[in-house]
Amino acid sequence: TLAMAGMALQCVKESNMEHVDAQLQQALTTVKGKLLASQRPDGHMGNEFSTGLAVQALLAMGSEVSECSQAMEAMRTSARNGIYHNPMAISQVLPALHQRSYLQLKAHHCTNEDDSVILEPKEPTVEVSDGKVSLQVEVEVVNPEGHSSQYFLDVPKGSSILEALELLQQMKRKFVFETEPSLWGSFLSVVNGVRARQSDRSYWHISSDGTSINEGKSSSKKAPLAQTHVLIYPMSSISSVYHEGPSWC
């Protein structure tokens, strides 16, 4: 959101205005500063899935490529590790790696397009053990009022977070969840009857042993569950820290 705001403001600045308002320039400076301040030690700005737009915004606002080199190398590392398997993520990362931004599209005119290309996320293959070796997992759900519910279950070693949640739901321990589709994949929309809505920018966030699950259950489909404590809690993107985001399936 911050990166898109920066590119939108830069677009206004480049729209042949006779005078650039001082407040507009100050807003651009503020956005740039916040994006740079969001950089983690591993180079990502925010997380793996926000870095692409952050780099695009910085380049669009006139930053030197050298200012973004660490973030670009972090994206290359994530790409080599197979993190970006969703078309939406790829569409944000590729322009940044080619030192381009969405703003440059305004100078192009697409012709002979028939809109026939359909991109579907590739579902990663998960190897699950035969169930002889199990892992004890605690799932903690915090509702909007701050009340916490804990659930304990044994899952086959090698299971993902998604598989653990599905198993917990099947056990009928008063835990239920639902999803809804989005451009990023399925959105974790309902947990124990409480609905998160993309329209009002509220969502459910997942962390595992204190580490945010950046792509929610989608990344958890890909990697076996190694941690023993899964925390699910509500957030609003209006008040959340830049690097945290919703959980996707």
Protein backbone atom coordinates (compact mmCIF):
# COMPACT_ATOMS: atom_id res chain seq x y z
CA THR A 1 0.00 0.00 0.00
CA LEU A 2 2.79 2.43 0.89
CA ALA A 3 4.70 1.59 -2.28
CA MET A 4 1.61 2.00 -4.46
CA ALA A 5 0.90 5.35 -2.79
CA GLY A 6 4.44 6.44 -3.63
CA MET A 7 4.07 5.49 -7.29
CA ALA A 8 0.69 7.24 -7.46
CA LEU A 9 2.18 10.42 -6.01
CA GLN A 10 5.10 10.21 -8.43
CA CYS A 11 2.62 9.84 -11.29
CA VAL A 12 0.92 13.06 -10.17
CA LYS A 13 4.30 14.78 -10.03
CA GLU A 14 5.05 13.73 -13.62
CA SER A 15 1.64 14.77 -14.97
CA ASN A 16 2.83 18.04 -16.57
CA MET A 17 1.88 20.15 -13.60
CA GLU A 18 3.31 23.65 -13.81
CA HIS A 19 4.20 23.73 -10.15
CA VAL A 20 4.96 20.79 -7.89
CA ASP A 21 3.33 21.41 -4.55
CA ALA A 22 5.75 21.40 -1.61
CA GLN A 23 3.40 19.07 0.26
CA LEU A 24 3.54 16.59 -2.61
CA GLN A 25 7.32 16.58 -2.57
CA GLN A 26 7.30 16.17 1.21
CA ALA A 27 4.92 13.22 0.89
CA LEU A 28 7.24 11.57 -1.64
CA THR A 29 10.21 12.09 0.67
CA THR A 30 8.26 10.58 3.57
CA VAL A 31 7.22 7.53 1.56
CA LYS A 32 10.78 6.96 0.37
CA GLY A 33 12.12 7.22 3.91
CA LYS A 34 9.58 4.73 5.26
CA LEU A 35 10.30 2.25 2.49
CA LEU A 36 14.03 2.41 3.13
CA ALA A 37 13.45 2.12 6.88
CA SER A 38 11.44 -1.07 6.35
CA GLN A 39 14.48 -2.94 5.02
CA ARG A 40 15.36 -6.05 7.01
CA PRO A 41 18.89 -7.35 7.60
CA ASP A 42 18.35 -9.94 4.85
CA GLY A 43 17.65 -7.16 2.33
CA HIS A 44 13.89 -7.52 1.95
CA MET A 45 11.77 -4.42 2.40
CA GLY A 46 8.89 -5.45 4.61
CA ASN A 47 8.80 -9.10 3.59
CA GLU A 48 9.46 -11.24 0.54
CA PHE A 49 6.13 -10.27 -1.01
CA SER A 50 6.27 -6.51 -0.47
CA THR A 51 9.86 -6.00 -1.68
CA GLY A 52 9.00 -6.00 -5.38
CA LEU A 53 6.61 -3.06 -5.13
CA ALA A 54 8.89 -1.27 -2.68
CA VAL A 55 11.80 -1.42 -5.14
CA GLN A 56 9.53 -0.35 -8.00
CA ALA A 57 8.38 2.66 -5.99
CA LEU A 58 11.90 3.68 -5.02
CA LEU A 59 13.10 3.49 -8.62
CA ALA A 60 10.05 5.41 -9.82
CA MET A 61 10.73 8.13 -7.25
CA GLY A 62 14.26 8.57 -8.53
CA SER A 63 16.34 6.39 -6.24
CA GLU A 64 19.61 5.08 -7.60
CA VAL A 65 19.80 1.38 -8.38
CA SER A 66 22.57 1.12 -5.79
CA GLU A 67 20.06 2.05 -3.07
CA CYS A 68 17.99 -0.98 -4.04
CA SER A 69 20.79 -3.44 -4.78
CA GLN A 70 20.51 -5.30 -1.48
CA ALA A 71 16.75 -5.65 -1.86
CA MET A 72 17.14 -6.85 -5.45
CA GLU A 73 19.66 -9.47 -4.40
CA ALA A 74 17.27 -10.61 -1.66
CA MET A 75 14.53 -11.07 -4.28
CA ARG A 76 16.90 -13.08 -6.47
CA THR A 77 17.65 -15.33 -3.51
CA SER A 78 13.94 -15.78 -2.80
CA ALA A 79 13.31 -16.55 -6.47
CA ARG A 80 16.03 -19.21 -6.45
CA ASN A 81 14.39 -20.70 -3.35
CA GLY A 82 11.04 -20.95 -5.15
CA ILE A 83 9.23 -18.40 -2.99
CA TYR A 84 7.48 -16.63 -5.87
CA HIS A 85 5.07 -19.21 -7.29
CA ASN A 86 2.01 -16.93 -7.35
CA PRO A 87 1.37 -14.90 -10.56
CA MET A 88 0.64 -11.74 -8.56
CA ALA A 89 3.96 -11.98 -6.71
CA ILE A 90 5.85 -12.67 -9.93
CA SER A 91 4.22 -9.68 -11.65
CA GLN A 92 5.56 -7.40 -8.92
CA VAL A 93 9.04 -8.87 -8.62
CA LEU A 94 9.99 -9.15 -12.31
CA PRO A 95 9.74 -5.41 -13.15
CA ALA A 96 11.78 -4.56 -10.06
CA LEU A 97 14.52 -7.02 -11.01
CA HIS A 98 14.62 -5.43 -14.48
CA GLN A 99 14.90 -1.98 -12.88
CA ARG A 100 11.46 -0.97 -14.10
CA SER A 101 8.22 0.13 -12.44
CA TYR A 102 4.52 0.11 -13.27
CA LEU A 103 4.76 3.84 -14.02
CA GLN A 104 6.66 3.09 -17.20
CA LEU A 105 3.63 1.25 -18.60
CA LYS A 106 1.87 4.54 -19.25
CA ALA A 107 4.25 5.12 -22.16
CA HIS A 108 3.34 1.81 -23.82
CA HIS A 109 0.33 0.88 -25.94
CA CYS A 110 -0.60 -2.79 -26.08
CA THR A 111 -1.94 -3.97 -29.43
CA ASN A 112 -3.32 -7.25 -30.69
CA GLU A 113 -4.08 -8.41 -27.16
CA ASP A 114 -6.93 -10.91 -26.90
CA ASP A 115 -6.79 -11.40 -23.10
CA SER A 116 -6.62 -15.15 -23.59
CA VAL A 117 -3.74 -15.81 -21.19
CA ILE A 118 -4.88 -17.45 -17.95
CA LEU A 119 -2.34 -17.74 -15.15
CA GLU A 120 -2.99 -20.12 -12.31
CA PRO A 121 -0.78 -20.47 -9.22
CA LYS A 122 1.26 -23.64 -9.27
CA GLU A 123 0.49 -25.72 -6.22
CA PRO A 124 3.72 -26.89 -4.56
CA THR A 125 4.07 -30.60 -3.92
CA VAL A 126 4.19 -31.51 -0.24
CA GLU A 127 5.73 -34.73 0.96
CA VAL A 128 3.91 -35.94 4.06
CA SER A 129 5.20 -38.83 6.13
CA ASP A 130 3.25 -42.03 6.63
CA GLY A 131 2.07 -40.77 10.01
CA LYS A 132 4.20 -43.08 12.16
CA VAL A 133 6.21 -40.12 13.49
CA SER A 134 4.09 -37.30 14.89
CA LEU A 135 4.66 -33.74 16.04
CA GLN A 136 2.66 -32.10 18.84
CA VAL A 137 1.37 -28.69 17.81
CA GLU A 138 -0.40 -25.95 19.75
CA VAL A 139 -2.74 -23.72 17.75
CA GLU A 140 -3.67 -20.50 19.54
CA VAL A 141 -6.44 -18.25 18.22
CA VAL A 142 -6.85 -14.71 19.58
CA ASN A 143 -10.22 -13.10 18.87
CA PRO A 144 -10.78 -9.34 18.31
CA GLU A 145 -11.55 -8.87 22.03
CA GLY A 146 -8.17 -10.33 22.95
CA HIS A 147 -9.46 -13.63 24.33
CA SER A 148 -7.31 -16.62 23.50
CA SER A 149 -8.28 -20.23 22.73
CA GLN A 150 -5.68 -23.00 22.68
CA TYR A 151 -5.92 -26.28 20.80
CA PHE A 152 -3.45 -29.15 21.01
CA LEU A 153 -3.11 -31.90 18.45
CA ASP A 154 -0.64 -34.38 17.03
CA VAL A 155 0.07 -34.15 13.31
CA PRO A 156 2.20 -36.41 11.09
CA LYS A 157 5.76 -35.16 10.83
CA GLY A 158 6.14 -33.25 7.57
CA SER A 159 2.62 -31.79 7.66
CA SER A 160 2.08 -28.16 6.69
CA ILE A 161 0.25 -25.53 8.73
CA LEU A 162 -2.71 -25.84 6.36
CA GLU A 163 -2.87 -29.58 6.90
CA ALA A 164 -2.66 -29.06 10.67
CA LEU A 165 -5.57 -26.60 10.57
CA GLU A 166 -7.64 -28.92 8.40
CA LEU A 167 -6.97 -31.81 10.78
CA LEU A 168 -7.92 -29.65 13.77
CA GLN A 169 -11.18 -28.66 12.09
CA GLN A 170 -11.98 -32.31 11.37
CA MET A 171 -11.49 -33.13 15.05
CA LYS A 172 -14.54 -30.96 15.88
CA ARG A 173 -12.92 -29.15 18.79
CA LYS A 174 -14.88 -25.94 18.17
CA PHE A 175 -12.30 -24.71 15.67
CA VAL A 176 -13.48 -23.75 12.18
CA PHE A 177 -12.00 -21.68 9.39
CA GLU A 178 -13.01 -20.58 5.91
CA THR A 179 -11.26 -19.05 2.92
CA GLU A 180 -12.24 -16.87 -0.02
CA PRO A 181 -10.50 -16.33 -3.38
CA SER A 182 -8.26 -13.37 -4.18
CA LEU A 183 -5.59 -12.47 -6.74
CA TRP A 184 -2.96 -13.73 -4.30
CA GLY A 185 -4.68 -17.05 -3.75
CA SER A 186 -7.23 -18.04 -1.13
CA PHE A 187 -7.66 -15.49 1.66
CA LEU A 188 -8.06 -16.73 5.26
CA SER A 189 -11.42 -15.09 5.82
CA VAL A 190 -13.17 -16.68 8.82
CA VAL A 191 -11.76 -18.15 12.02
CA ASN A 192 -14.16 -19.42 14.68
CA GLY A 193 -17.01 -17.40 13.23
CA VAL A 194 -15.13 -14.08 13.07
CA ARG A 195 -14.86 -12.76 9.52
CA ALA A 196 -11.96 -10.76 8.13
CA ARG A 197 -12.83 -8.63 5.13
CA GLN A 198 -10.58 -7.40 2.35
CA SER A 199 -13.06 -4.57 1.76
CA ASP A 200 -12.42 -3.00 5.18
CA ARG A 201 -8.75 -4.08 5.21
CA SER A 202 -9.01 -6.41 8.18
CA TYR A 203 -7.45 -9.84 8.07
CA TRP A 204 -6.23 -12.85 10.01
CA HIS A 205 -2.48 -13.10 10.48
CA ILE A 206 -0.53 -16.31 11.18
CA SER A 207 2.75 -16.60 13.03
CA SER A 208 4.67 -19.72 13.98
CA ASP A 209 6.86 -19.68 17.08
CA GLY A 210 6.92 -15.87 16.86
CA THR A 211 7.83 -15.72 13.17
CA SER A 212 5.27 -14.22 10.78
CA ILE A 213 4.12 -16.56 8.03
CA ASN A 214 4.44 -14.10 5.16
CA GLU A 215 2.31 -15.98 2.67
CA GLY A 216 0.10 -17.61 5.22
CA LYS A 217 -1.06 -21.08 4.35
CA SER A 218 0.28 -20.93 0.82
CA SER A 219 3.86 -20.96 2.01
CA SER A 220 2.88 -23.47 4.65
CA LYS A 221 1.69 -25.80 1.90
CA LYS A 222 5.19 -25.70 0.57
CA ALA A 223 7.24 -26.17 3.72
CA PRO A 224 6.73 -28.84 6.39
CA LEU A 225 5.68 -27.60 9.81
CA ALA A 226 8.72 -27.55 12.07
CA GLN A 227 7.50 -25.21 14.81
CA THR A 228 5.21 -26.30 17.62
CA HIS A 229 3.21 -23.12 18.29
CA VAL A 230 0.93 -21.57 15.66
CA LEU A 231 -0.69 -18.22 16.51
CA ILE A 232 -3.64 -16.82 14.54
CA TYR A 233 -4.76 -13.29 15.36
CA PRO A 234 -6.78 -10.45 13.77
CA MET A 235 -5.15 -7.33 12.35
CA SER A 236 -6.02 -4.23 10.37
CA SER A 237 -3.71 -3.10 7.57
CA ILE A 238 -4.53 0.49 8.52
CA SER A 239 -2.81 0.12 11.89
CA SER A 240 -0.42 -2.75 11.21
CA VAL A 241 3.33 -2.57 10.83
CA TYR A 242 4.38 -2.34 7.16
CA HIS A 243 6.03 -5.74 7.06
CA GLU A 244 3.07 -7.71 8.34
CA GLY A 245 0.25 -8.78 6.10
CA PRO A 246 -2.71 -11.08 5.64
CA SER A 247 -2.48 -14.84 5.43
CA TRP A 248 -3.14 -16.53 2.12
CA CYS A 249 -3.80 -20.18 1.41
